[in-house]
Amino acid sequence: MIHFFQTNIGRLRILGLLEGISLLILIFIAVPLKYIFDNPSGTKILGPVHGALFLLFIFNALSVGVEQNWKFKTTTWKVLLACIIPFGTFYIDHKILSKIKTENT
């Protein structure tokens, strides 16, 4: 797992995993706790964490897109869209990111 952090694509894949998990926890656990049980503590904690992971994913996706010479109309927009759809980052990792060859793998 440590070798993932050595490449930009590896960091993007890790960020995608973390961002996807944080989105699912936020949507399916923290938000219902807030609105059904009147307990906003989950959203107060996880909201900023998810926001930071979301921004890191966006910035890293753009960086990897430039590094990999992605065409915006064919690849970049799909990767960027994935982070706002539940399970999207897992799908995009499987379909696009896991297939990218790097010099350190």
PDB file of N, CA and C in Angstrom:
ATOM      1  N   MET A   1       0.826  -1.197   0.000  1.00  0.00           N
ATOM      2  CA  MET A   1       0.000   0.000   0.000  1.00  0.00           C
ATOM      3  C   MET A   1       0.868   1.257   0.000  1.00  0.00           C
ATOM      4  N   ILE A   2       2.040   1.196   0.592  1.00  0.00           N
ATOM      5  CA  ILE A   2       2.899   2.378   0.662  1.00  0.00           C
ATOM      6  C   ILE A   2       3.317   2.833  -0.729  1.00  0.00           C
ATOM      7  N   HIS A   3       3.501   1.920  -1.667  1.00  0.00           N
ATOM      8  CA  HIS A   3       3.913   2.322  -3.010  1.00  0.00           C
ATOM      9  C   HIS A   3       2.861   3.183  -3.706  1.00  0.00           C
ATOM     10  N   PHE A   4       1.604   3.108  -3.274  1.00  0.00           N
ATOM     11  CA  PHE A   4       0.557   3.964  -3.847  1.00  0.00           C
ATOM     12  C   PHE A   4       0.873   5.439  -3.648  1.00  0.00           C
ATOM     13  N   PHE A   5       1.458   5.781  -2.510  1.00  0.00           N
ATOM     14  CA  PHE A   5       1.740   7.182  -2.199  1.00  0.00           C
ATOM     15  C   PHE A   5       2.917   7.743  -2.993  1.00  0.00           C
ATOM     16  N   GLN A   6       3.629   6.895  -3.712  1.00  0.00           N
ATOM     17  CA  GLN A   6       4.817   7.335  -4.440  1.00  0.00           C
ATOM     18  C   GLN A   6       4.505   7.909  -5.816  1.00  0.00           C
ATOM     19  N   THR A   7       3.282   7.742  -6.301  1.00  0.00           N
ATOM     20  CA  THR A   7       2.909   8.277  -7.616  1.00  0.00           C
ATOM     21  C   THR A   7       1.663   9.144  -7.481  1.00  0.00           C
ATOM     22  N   ASN A   8       1.501  10.060  -8.418  1.00  0.00           N
ATOM     23  CA  ASN A   8       0.308  10.909  -8.416  1.00  0.00           C
ATOM     24  C   ASN A   8      -0.956  10.099  -8.620  1.00  0.00           C
ATOM     25  N   ILE A   9      -0.902   9.108  -9.487  1.00  0.00           N
ATOM     26  CA  ILE A   9      -2.080   8.283  -9.725  1.00  0.00           C
ATOM     27  C   ILE A   9      -2.411   7.448  -8.490  1.00  0.00           C
ATOM     28  N   GLY A  10      -1.399   6.985  -7.789  1.00  0.00           N
ATOM     29  CA  GLY A  10      -1.620   6.240  -6.550  1.00  0.00           C
ATOM     30  C   GLY A  10      -2.272   7.098  -5.488  1.00  0.00           C
ATOM     31  N   ARG A  11      -1.786   8.338  -5.355  1.00  0.00           N
ATOM     32  CA  ARG A  11      -2.393   9.264  -4.389  1.00  0.00           C
ATOM     33  C   ARG A  11      -3.839   9.576  -4.773  1.00  0.00           C
ATOM     34  N   LEU A  12      -4.093   9.729  -6.064  1.00  0.00           N
ATOM     35  CA  LEU A  12      -5.456  10.000  -6.517  1.00  0.00           C
ATOM     36  C   LEU A  12      -6.370   8.824  -6.209  1.00  0.00           C
ATOM     37  N   ARG A  13      -5.885   7.623  -6.388  1.00  0.00           N
ATOM     38  CA  ARG A  13      -6.698   6.429  -6.092  1.00  0.00           C
ATOM     39  C   ARG A  13      -7.012   6.334  -4.599  1.00  0.00           C
ATOM     40  N   ILE A  14      -6.025   6.615  -3.756  1.00  0.00           N
ATOM     41  CA  ILE A  14      -6.254   6.605  -2.306  1.00  0.00           C
ATOM     42  C   ILE A  14      -7.244   7.699  -1.929  1.00  0.00           C
ATOM     43  N   LEU A  15      -7.061   8.894  -2.470  1.00  0.00           N
ATOM     44  CA  LEU A  15      -7.994   9.986  -2.194  1.00  0.00           C
ATOM     45  C   LEU A  15      -9.401   9.645  -2.666  1.00  0.00           C
ATOM     46  N   GLY A  16      -9.510   8.991  -3.810  1.00  0.00           N
ATOM     47  CA  GLY A  16     -10.819   8.577  -4.306  1.00  0.00           C
ATOM     48  C   GLY A  16     -11.504   7.610  -3.363  1.00  0.00           C
ATOM     49  N   LEU A  17     -10.741   6.667  -2.842  1.00  0.00           N
ATOM     50  CA  LEU A  17     -11.282   5.708  -1.881  1.00  0.00           C
ATOM     51  C   LEU A  17     -11.763   6.428  -0.617  1.00  0.00           C
ATOM     52  N   LEU A  18     -10.914   7.284  -0.064  1.00  0.00           N
ATOM     53  CA  LEU A  18     -11.268   8.005   1.159  1.00  0.00           C
ATOM     54  C   LEU A  18     -12.433   8.966   0.936  1.00  0.00           C
ATOM     55  N   GLU A  19     -12.423   9.670  -0.196  1.00  0.00           N
ATOM     56  CA  GLU A  19     -13.495  10.609  -0.502  1.00  0.00           C
ATOM     57  C   GLU A  19     -14.814   9.860  -0.701  1.00  0.00           C
ATOM     58  N   GLY A  20     -14.757   8.734  -1.388  1.00  0.00           N
ATOM     59  CA  GLY A  20     -15.964   7.936  -1.607  1.00  0.00           C
ATOM     60  C   GLY A  20     -16.545   7.393  -0.320  1.00  0.00           C
ATOM     61  N   ILE A  21     -15.691   6.895   0.557  1.00  0.00           N
ATOM     62  CA  ILE A  21     -16.158   6.387   1.853  1.00  0.00           C
ATOM     63  C   ILE A  21     -16.742   7.517   2.689  1.00  0.00           C
ATOM     64  N   SER A  22     -16.072   8.669   2.703  1.00  0.00           N
ATOM     65  CA  SER A  22     -16.582   9.789   3.510  1.00  0.00           C
ATOM     66  C   SER A  22     -17.932  10.282   2.978  1.00  0.00           C
ATOM     67  N   LEU A  23     -18.121  10.277   1.659  1.00  0.00           N
ATOM     68  CA  LEU A  23     -19.406  10.686   1.084  1.00  0.00           C
ATOM     69  C   LEU A  23     -20.510   9.717   1.484  1.00  0.00           C
ATOM     70  N   LEU A  24     -20.223   8.427   1.416  1.00  0.00           N
ATOM     71  CA  LEU A  24     -21.231   7.433   1.790  1.00  0.00           C
ATOM     72  C   LEU A  24     -21.602   7.529   3.268  1.00  0.00           C
ATOM     73  N   ILE A  25     -20.612   7.704   4.125  1.00  0.00           N
ATOM     74  CA  ILE A  25     -20.894   7.843   5.562  1.00  0.00           C
ATOM     75  C   ILE A  25     -21.691   9.112   5.814  1.00  0.00           C
ATOM     76  N   LEU A  26     -21.328  10.179   5.138  1.00  0.00           N
ATOM     77  CA  LEU A  26     -22.045  11.449   5.298  1.00  0.00           C
ATOM     78  C   LEU A  26     -23.500  11.303   4.865  1.00  0.00           C
ATOM     79  N   ILE A  27     -23.731  10.739   3.676  1.00  0.00           N
ATOM     80  CA  ILE A  27     -25.089  10.631   3.136  1.00  0.00           C
ATOM     81  C   ILE A  27     -25.948   9.623   3.894  1.00  0.00           C
ATOM     82  N   PHE A  28     -25.388   8.468   4.179  1.00  0.00           N
ATOM     83  CA  PHE A  28     -26.205   7.391   4.730  1.00  0.00           C
ATOM     84  C   PHE A  28     -26.201   7.279   6.254  1.00  0.00           C
ATOM     85  N   ILE A  29     -25.290   7.964   6.926  1.00  0.00           N
ATOM     86  CA  ILE A  29     -25.258   7.893   8.387  1.00  0.00           C
ATOM     87  C   ILE A  29     -25.407   9.277   9.017  1.00  0.00           C
ATOM     88  N   ALA A  30     -24.496  10.194   8.687  1.00  0.00           N
ATOM     89  CA  ALA A  30     -24.470  11.488   9.371  1.00  0.00           C
ATOM     90  C   ALA A  30     -25.694  12.353   9.069  1.00  0.00           C
ATOM     91  N   VAL A  31     -26.110  12.417   7.810  1.00  0.00           N
ATOM     92  CA  VAL A  31     -27.276  13.250   7.467  1.00  0.00           C
ATOM     93  C   VAL A  31     -28.565  12.690   8.065  1.00  0.00           C
ATOM     94  N   PRO A  32     -28.822  11.377   7.973  1.00  0.00           N
ATOM     95  CA  PRO A  32     -30.021  10.863   8.660  1.00  0.00           C
ATOM     96  C   PRO A  32     -29.992  11.091  10.180  1.00  0.00           C
ATOM     97  N   LEU A  33     -28.803  10.948  10.785  1.00  0.00           N
ATOM     98  CA  LEU A  33     -28.709  11.237  12.224  1.00  0.00           C
ATOM     99  C   LEU A  33     -29.086  12.682  12.519  1.00  0.00           C
ATOM    100  N   LYS A  34     -28.674  13.581  11.652  1.00  0.00           N
ATOM    101  CA  LYS A  34     -28.962  14.998  11.856  1.00  0.00           C
ATOM    102  C   LYS A  34     -30.450  15.293  11.716  1.00  0.00           C
ATOM    103  N   TYR A  35     -31.068  14.803  10.656  1.00  0.00           N
ATOM    104  CA  TYR A  35     -32.446  15.188  10.372  1.00  0.00           C
ATOM    105  C   TYR A  35     -33.503  14.283  10.977  1.00  0.00           C
ATOM    106  N   ILE A  36     -33.200  13.037  11.207  1.00  0.00           N
ATOM    107  CA  ILE A  36     -34.185  12.131  11.805  1.00  0.00           C
ATOM    108  C   ILE A  36     -34.085  12.135  13.324  1.00  0.00           C
ATOM    109  N   PHE A  37     -32.862  12.123  13.839  1.00  0.00           N
ATOM    110  CA  PHE A  37     -32.657  12.030  15.280  1.00  0.00           C
ATOM    111  C   PHE A  37     -32.191  13.339  15.915  1.00  0.00           C
ATOM    112  N   ASP A  38     -32.176  14.402  15.128  1.00  0.00           N
ATOM    113  CA  ASP A  38     -31.789  15.733  15.614  1.00  0.00           C
ATOM    114  C   ASP A  38     -30.422  15.709  16.304  1.00  0.00           C
ATOM    115  N   ASN A  39     -29.469  15.003  15.669  1.00  0.00           N
ATOM    116  CA  ASN A  39     -28.120  14.893  16.206  1.00  0.00           C
ATOM    117  C   ASN A  39     -27.121  15.332  15.126  1.00  0.00           C
ATOM    118  N   PRO A  40     -26.720  16.611  15.130  1.00  0.00           N
ATOM    119  CA  PRO A  40     -25.850  17.117  14.068  1.00  0.00           C
ATOM    120  C   PRO A  40     -24.353  16.848  14.267  1.00  0.00           C
ATOM    121  N   SER A  41     -23.981  16.110  15.292  1.00  0.00           N
ATOM    122  CA  SER A  41     -22.555  15.925  15.572  1.00  0.00           C
ATOM    123  C   SER A  41     -21.817  15.228  14.425  1.00  0.00           C
ATOM    124  N   GLY A  42     -22.465  14.271  13.760  1.00  0.00           N
ATOM    125  CA  GLY A  42     -21.816  13.565  12.653  1.00  0.00           C
ATOM    126  C   GLY A  42     -21.507  14.481  11.490  1.00  0.00           C
ATOM    127  N   THR A  43     -22.453  15.338  11.146  1.00  0.00           N
ATOM    128  CA  THR A  43     -22.222  16.249  10.021  1.00  0.00           C
ATOM    129  C   THR A  43     -21.228  17.344  10.388  1.00  0.00           C
ATOM    130  N   LYS A  44     -21.209  17.739  11.649  1.00  0.00           N
ATOM    131  CA  LYS A  44     -20.249  18.764  12.078  1.00  0.00           C
ATOM    132  C   LYS A  44     -18.817  18.257  11.990  1.00  0.00           C
ATOM    133  N   ILE A  45     -18.633  16.980  12.253  1.00  0.00           N
ATOM    134  CA  ILE A  45     -17.291  16.393  12.205  1.00  0.00           C
ATOM    135  C   ILE A  45     -16.944  15.951  10.791  1.00  0.00           C
ATOM    136  N   LEU A  46     -17.826  15.182  10.186  1.00  0.00           N
ATOM    137  CA  LEU A  46     -17.515  14.582   8.890  1.00  0.00           C
ATOM    138  C   LEU A  46     -17.653  15.557   7.728  1.00  0.00           C
ATOM    139  N   GLY A  47     -18.496  16.553   7.853  1.00  0.00           N
ATOM    140  CA  GLY A  47     -18.680  17.522   6.773  1.00  0.00           C
ATOM    141  C   GLY A  47     -17.382  18.177   6.338  1.00  0.00           C
ATOM    142  N   PRO A  48     -16.637  18.780   7.258  1.00  0.00           N
ATOM    143  CA  PRO A  48     -15.358  19.395   6.879  1.00  0.00           C
ATOM    144  C   PRO A  48     -14.313  18.377   6.393  1.00  0.00           C
ATOM    145  N   VAL A  49     -14.319  17.181   6.977  1.00  0.00           N
ATOM    146  CA  VAL A  49     -13.373  16.148   6.539  1.00  0.00           C
ATOM    147  C   VAL A  49     -13.679  15.762   5.091  1.00  0.00           C
ATOM    148  N   HIS A  50     -14.949  15.526   4.818  1.00  0.00           N
ATOM    149  CA  HIS A  50     -15.341  15.182   3.447  1.00  0.00           C
ATOM    150  C   HIS A  50     -15.029  16.342   2.489  1.00  0.00           C
ATOM    151  N   GLY A  51     -15.291  17.556   2.923  1.00  0.00           N
ATOM    152  CA  GLY A  51     -15.001  18.724   2.085  1.00  0.00           C
ATOM    153  C   GLY A  51     -13.530  18.816   1.723  1.00  0.00           C
ATOM    154  N   ALA A  52     -12.665  18.572   2.687  1.00  0.00           N
ATOM    155  CA  ALA A  52     -11.219  18.604   2.426  1.00  0.00           C
ATOM    156  C   ALA A  52     -10.812  17.488   1.466  1.00  0.00           C
ATOM    157  N   LEU A  53     -11.345  16.280   1.682  1.00  0.00           N
ATOM    158  CA  LEU A  53     -11.035  15.165   0.783  1.00  0.00           C
ATOM    159  C   LEU A  53     -11.559  15.430  -0.624  1.00  0.00           C
ATOM    160  N   PHE A  54     -12.740  16.032  -0.716  1.00  0.00           N
ATOM    161  CA  PHE A  54     -13.331  16.389  -2.005  1.00  0.00           C
ATOM    162  C   PHE A  54     -12.413  17.347  -2.765  1.00  0.00           C
ATOM    163  N   LEU A  55     -11.966  18.401  -2.096  1.00  0.00           N
ATOM    164  CA  LEU A  55     -11.082  19.372  -2.741  1.00  0.00           C
ATOM    165  C   LEU A  55      -9.745  18.748  -3.130  1.00  0.00           C
ATOM    166  N   LEU A  56      -9.183  17.935  -2.250  1.00  0.00           N
ATOM    167  CA  LEU A  56      -7.926  17.255  -2.579  1.00  0.00           C
ATOM    168  C   LEU A  56      -8.094  16.345  -3.796  1.00  0.00           C
ATOM    169  N   PHE A  57      -9.233  15.650  -3.863  1.00  0.00           N
ATOM    170  CA  PHE A  57      -9.490  14.782  -5.006  1.00  0.00           C
ATOM    171  C   PHE A  57      -9.571  15.602  -6.290  1.00  0.00           C
ATOM    172  N   ILE A  58     -10.301  16.717  -6.261  1.00  0.00           N
ATOM    173  CA  ILE A  58     -10.447  17.575  -7.442  1.00  0.00           C
ATOM    174  C   ILE A  58      -9.073  18.065  -7.918  1.00  0.00           C
ATOM    175  N   PHE A  59      -8.298  18.640  -7.003  1.00  0.00           N
ATOM    176  CA  PHE A  59      -6.981  19.172  -7.370  1.00  0.00           C
ATOM    177  C   PHE A  59      -6.057  18.078  -7.899  1.00  0.00           C
ATOM    178  N   ASN A  60      -6.072  16.924  -7.248  1.00  0.00           N
ATOM    179  CA  ASN A  60      -5.215  15.823  -7.703  1.00  0.00           C
ATOM    180  C   ASN A  60      -5.698  15.239  -9.021  1.00  0.00           C
ATOM    181  N   ALA A  61      -6.999  15.188  -9.229  1.00  0.00           N
ATOM    182  CA  ALA A  61      -7.524  14.694 -10.507  1.00  0.00           C
ATOM    183  C   ALA A  61      -7.085  15.605 -11.650  1.00  0.00           C
ATOM    184  N   LEU A  62      -7.149  16.909 -11.432  1.00  0.00           N
ATOM    185  CA  LEU A  62      -6.699  17.844 -12.461  1.00  0.00           C
ATOM    186  C   LEU A  62      -5.198  17.699 -12.709  1.00  0.00           C
ATOM    187  N   SER A  63      -4.429  17.519 -11.643  1.00  0.00           N
ATOM    188  CA  SER A  63      -2.981  17.338 -11.772  1.00  0.00           C
ATOM    189  C   SER A  63      -2.645  16.066 -12.554  1.00  0.00           C
ATOM    190  N   VAL A  64      -3.311  14.967 -12.213  1.00  0.00           N
ATOM    191  CA  VAL A  64      -3.077  13.709 -12.915  1.00  0.00           C
ATOM    192  C   VAL A  64      -3.548  13.835 -14.362  1.00  0.00           C
ATOM    193  N   GLY A  65      -4.658  14.526 -14.580  1.00  0.00           N
ATOM    194  CA  GLY A  65      -5.147  14.730 -15.940  1.00  0.00           C
ATOM    195  C   GLY A  65      -4.131  15.432 -16.818  1.00  0.00           C
ATOM    196  N   VAL A  66      -3.482  16.439 -16.268  1.00  0.00           N
ATOM    197  CA  VAL A  66      -2.438  17.151 -17.020  1.00  0.00           C
ATOM    198  C   VAL A  66      -1.238  16.235 -17.226  1.00  0.00           C
ATOM    199  N   GLU A  67      -0.829  15.541 -16.173  1.00  0.00           N
ATOM    200  CA  GLU A  67       0.328  14.638 -16.253  1.00  0.00           C
ATOM    201  C   GLU A  67       0.105  13.517 -17.270  1.00  0.00           C
ATOM    202  N   GLN A  68      -1.109  12.980 -17.305  1.00  0.00           N
ATOM    203  CA  GLN A  68      -1.424  11.850 -18.190  1.00  0.00           C
ATOM    204  C   GLN A  68      -1.928  12.287 -19.567  1.00  0.00           C
ATOM    205  N   ASN A  69      -2.002  13.603 -19.785  1.00  0.00           N
ATOM    206  CA  ASN A  69      -2.511  14.156 -21.045  1.00  0.00           C
ATOM    207  C   ASN A  69      -3.932  13.688 -21.362  1.00  0.00           C
ATOM    208  N   TRP A  70      -4.783  13.672 -20.322  1.00  0.00           N
ATOM    209  CA  TRP A  70      -6.176  13.297 -20.535  1.00  0.00           C
ATOM    210  C   TRP A  70      -6.873  14.355 -21.379  1.00  0.00           C
ATOM    211  N   LYS A  71      -7.763  13.936 -22.233  1.00  0.00           N
ATOM    212  CA  LYS A  71      -8.649  14.848 -22.952  1.00  0.00           C
ATOM    213  C   LYS A  71      -9.825  15.136 -22.018  1.00  0.00           C
ATOM    214  N   PHE A  72     -10.149  16.417 -21.831  1.00  0.00           N
ATOM    215  CA  PHE A  72     -11.219  16.767 -20.892  1.00  0.00           C
ATOM    216  C   PHE A  72     -12.540  16.124 -21.307  1.00  0.00           C
ATOM    217  N   LYS A  73     -12.843  16.144 -22.594  1.00  0.00           N
ATOM    218  CA  LYS A  73     -14.132  15.636 -23.079  1.00  0.00           C
ATOM    219  C   LYS A  73     -14.270  14.119 -22.982  1.00  0.00           C
ATOM    220  N   THR A  74     -13.154  13.408 -22.852  1.00  0.00           N
ATOM    221  CA  THR A  74     -13.254  11.949 -22.809  1.00  0.00           C
ATOM    222  C   THR A  74     -12.937  11.338 -21.444  1.00  0.00           C
ATOM    223  N   THR A  75     -12.080  11.974 -20.656  1.00  0.00           N
ATOM    224  CA  THR A  75     -11.673  11.349 -19.391  1.00  0.00           C
ATOM    225  C   THR A  75     -11.828  12.258 -18.184  1.00  0.00           C
ATOM    226  N   THR A  76     -11.284  13.447 -18.239  1.00  0.00           N
ATOM    227  CA  THR A  76     -11.224  14.314 -17.059  1.00  0.00           C
ATOM    228  C   THR A  76     -12.604  14.573 -16.465  1.00  0.00           C
ATOM    229  N   TRP A  77     -13.585  14.872 -17.276  1.00  0.00           N
ATOM    230  CA  TRP A  77     -14.912  15.187 -16.750  1.00  0.00           C
ATOM    231  C   TRP A  77     -15.513  13.989 -16.032  1.00  0.00           C
ATOM    232  N   LYS A  78     -15.218  12.777 -16.499  1.00  0.00           N
ATOM    233  CA  LYS A  78     -15.739  11.573 -15.839  1.00  0.00           C
ATOM    234  C   LYS A  78     -15.145  11.420 -14.445  1.00  0.00           C
ATOM    235  N   VAL A  79     -13.853  11.652 -14.348  1.00  0.00           N
ATOM    236  CA  VAL A  79     -13.179  11.527 -13.051  1.00  0.00           C
ATOM    237  C   VAL A  79     -13.687  12.599 -12.086  1.00  0.00           C
ATOM    238  N   LEU A  80     -13.851  13.820 -12.586  1.00  0.00           N
ATOM    239  CA  LEU A  80     -14.348  14.904 -11.731  1.00  0.00           C
ATOM    240  C   LEU A  80     -15.793  14.664 -11.304  1.00  0.00           C
ATOM    241  N   LEU A  81     -16.615  14.186 -12.190  1.00  0.00           N
ATOM    242  CA  LEU A  81     -18.020  13.914 -11.876  1.00  0.00           C
ATOM    243  C   LEU A  81     -18.153  12.794 -10.844  1.00  0.00           C
ATOM    244  N   ALA A  82     -17.243  11.853 -10.885  1.00  0.00           N
ATOM    245  CA  ALA A  82     -17.312  10.686 -10.001  1.00  0.00           C
ATOM    246  C   ALA A  82     -17.338  11.062  -8.527  1.00  0.00           C
ATOM    247  N   CYS A  83     -16.694  12.155  -8.157  1.00  0.00           N
ATOM    248  CA  CYS A  83     -16.600  12.478  -6.735  1.00  0.00           C
ATOM    249  C   CYS A  83     -17.873  13.109  -6.171  1.00  0.00           C
ATOM    250  N   ILE A  84     -18.859  13.393  -7.003  1.00  0.00           N
ATOM    251  CA  ILE A  84     -20.116  13.929  -6.460  1.00  0.00           C
ATOM    252  C   ILE A  84     -21.251  12.913  -6.526  1.00  0.00           C
ATOM    253  N   ILE A  85     -20.970  11.724  -7.048  1.00  0.00           N
ATOM    254  CA  ILE A  85     -21.974  10.672  -7.147  1.00  0.00           C
ATOM    255  C   ILE A  85     -21.611   9.565  -6.152  1.00  0.00           C
ATOM    256  N   PRO A  86     -22.564   9.157  -5.309  1.00  0.00           N
ATOM    257  CA  PRO A  86     -22.260   8.040  -4.402  1.00  0.00           C
ATOM    258  C   PRO A  86     -21.776   6.820  -5.193  1.00  0.00           C
ATOM    259  N   PHE A  87     -20.727   6.208  -4.724  1.00  0.00           N
ATOM    260  CA  PHE A  87     -20.055   5.062  -5.338  1.00  0.00           C
ATOM    261  C   PHE A  87     -19.295   5.434  -6.617  1.00  0.00           C
ATOM    262  N   GLY A  88     -19.319   6.700  -7.018  1.00  0.00           N
ATOM    263  CA  GLY A  88     -18.681   7.139  -8.255  1.00  0.00           C
ATOM    264  C   GLY A  88     -17.177   6.979  -8.256  1.00  0.00           C
ATOM    265  N   THR A  89     -16.526   7.295  -7.147  1.00  0.00           N
ATOM    266  CA  THR A  89     -15.065   7.181  -7.112  1.00  0.00           C
ATOM    267  C   THR A  89     -14.618   5.724  -7.179  1.00  0.00           C
ATOM    268  N   PHE A  90     -15.433   4.813  -6.648  1.00  0.00           N
ATOM    269  CA  PHE A  90     -15.091   3.391  -6.717  1.00  0.00           C
ATOM    270  C   PHE A  90     -15.206   2.900  -8.166  1.00  0.00           C
ATOM    271  N   TYR A  91     -16.249   3.349  -8.849  1.00  0.00           N
ATOM    272  CA  TYR A  91     -16.473   2.971 -10.242  1.00  0.00           C
ATOM    273  C   TYR A  91     -15.349   3.509 -11.131  1.00  0.00           C
ATOM    274  N   ILE A  92     -15.021   4.774 -10.962  1.00  0.00           N
ATOM    275  CA  ILE A  92     -14.012   5.404 -11.815  1.00  0.00           C
ATOM    276  C   ILE A  92     -12.623   4.817 -11.536  1.00  0.00           C
ATOM    277  N   ASP A  93     -12.381   4.415 -10.295  1.00  0.00           N
ATOM    278  CA  ASP A  93     -11.113   3.748  -9.981  1.00  0.00           C
ATOM    279  C   ASP A  93     -11.017   2.440 -10.751  1.00  0.00           C
ATOM    280  N   HIS A  94     -12.108   1.694 -10.760  1.00  0.00           N
ATOM    281  CA  HIS A  94     -12.130   0.400 -11.444  1.00  0.00           C
ATOM    282  C   HIS A  94     -12.033   0.556 -12.961  1.00  0.00           C
ATOM    283  N   LYS A  95     -12.746   1.514 -13.520  1.00  0.00           N
ATOM    284  CA  LYS A  95     -12.826   1.664 -14.976  1.00  0.00           C
ATOM    285  C   LYS A  95     -11.651   2.435 -15.590  1.00  0.00           C
ATOM    286  N   ILE A  96     -11.105   3.415 -14.871  1.00  0.00           N
ATOM    287  CA  ILE A  96     -10.076   4.271 -15.468  1.00  0.00           C
ATOM    288  C   ILE A  96      -8.765   4.235 -14.689  1.00  0.00           C
ATOM    289  N   LEU A  97      -8.808   4.584 -13.411  1.00  0.00           N
ATOM    290  CA  LEU A  97      -7.574   4.808 -12.653  1.00  0.00           C
ATOM    291  C   LEU A  97      -6.730   3.552 -12.475  1.00  0.00           C
ATOM    292  N   SER A  98      -7.357   2.416 -12.238  1.00  0.00           N
ATOM    293  CA  SER A  98      -6.592   1.185 -12.012  1.00  0.00           C
ATOM    294  C   SER A  98      -5.880   0.707 -13.277  1.00  0.00           C
ATOM    295  N   LYS A  99      -6.294   1.193 -14.431  1.00  0.00           N
ATOM    296  CA  LYS A  99      -5.708   0.754 -15.702  1.00  0.00           C
ATOM    297  C   LYS A  99      -4.542   1.634 -16.169  1.00  0.00           C
ATOM    298  N   ILE A 100      -4.298   2.716 -15.462  1.00  0.00           N
ATOM    299  CA  ILE A 100      -3.209   3.624 -15.853  1.00  0.00           C
ATOM    300  C   ILE A 100      -1.881   3.058 -15.379  1.00  0.00           C
ATOM    301  N   LYS A 101      -0.956   2.930 -16.291  1.00  0.00           N
ATOM    302  CA  LYS A 101       0.380   2.420 -15.966  1.00  0.00           C
ATOM    303  C   LYS A 101       1.253   3.556 -15.450  1.00  0.00           C
ATOM    304  N   THR A 102       2.013   3.268 -14.403  1.00  0.00           N
ATOM    305  CA  THR A 102       2.960   4.246 -13.874  1.00  0.00           C
ATOM    306  C   THR A 102       4.352   3.620 -13.854  1.00  0.00           C
ATOM    307  N   GLU A 103       5.325   4.474 -13.798  1.00  0.00           N
ATOM    308  CA  GLU A 103       6.710   3.991 -13.828  1.00  0.00           C
ATOM    309  C   GLU A 103       7.127   3.277 -12.554  1.00  0.00           C
ATOM    310  N   ASN A 104       6.392   3.486 -11.425  1.00  0.00           N
ATOM    311  CA  ASN A 104       6.787   2.888 -10.151  1.00  0.00           C
ATOM    312  C   ASN A 104       6.024   1.607  -9.818  1.00  0.00           C
ATOM    313  N   THR A 105       5.162   1.101 -10.718  1.00  0.00           N
ATOM    314  CA  THR A 105       4.399  -0.094 -10.386  1.00  0.00           C
ATOM    315  C   THR A 105       5.017  -1.328 -10.991  1.00  0.00           C
TER     316      THR A 105
END
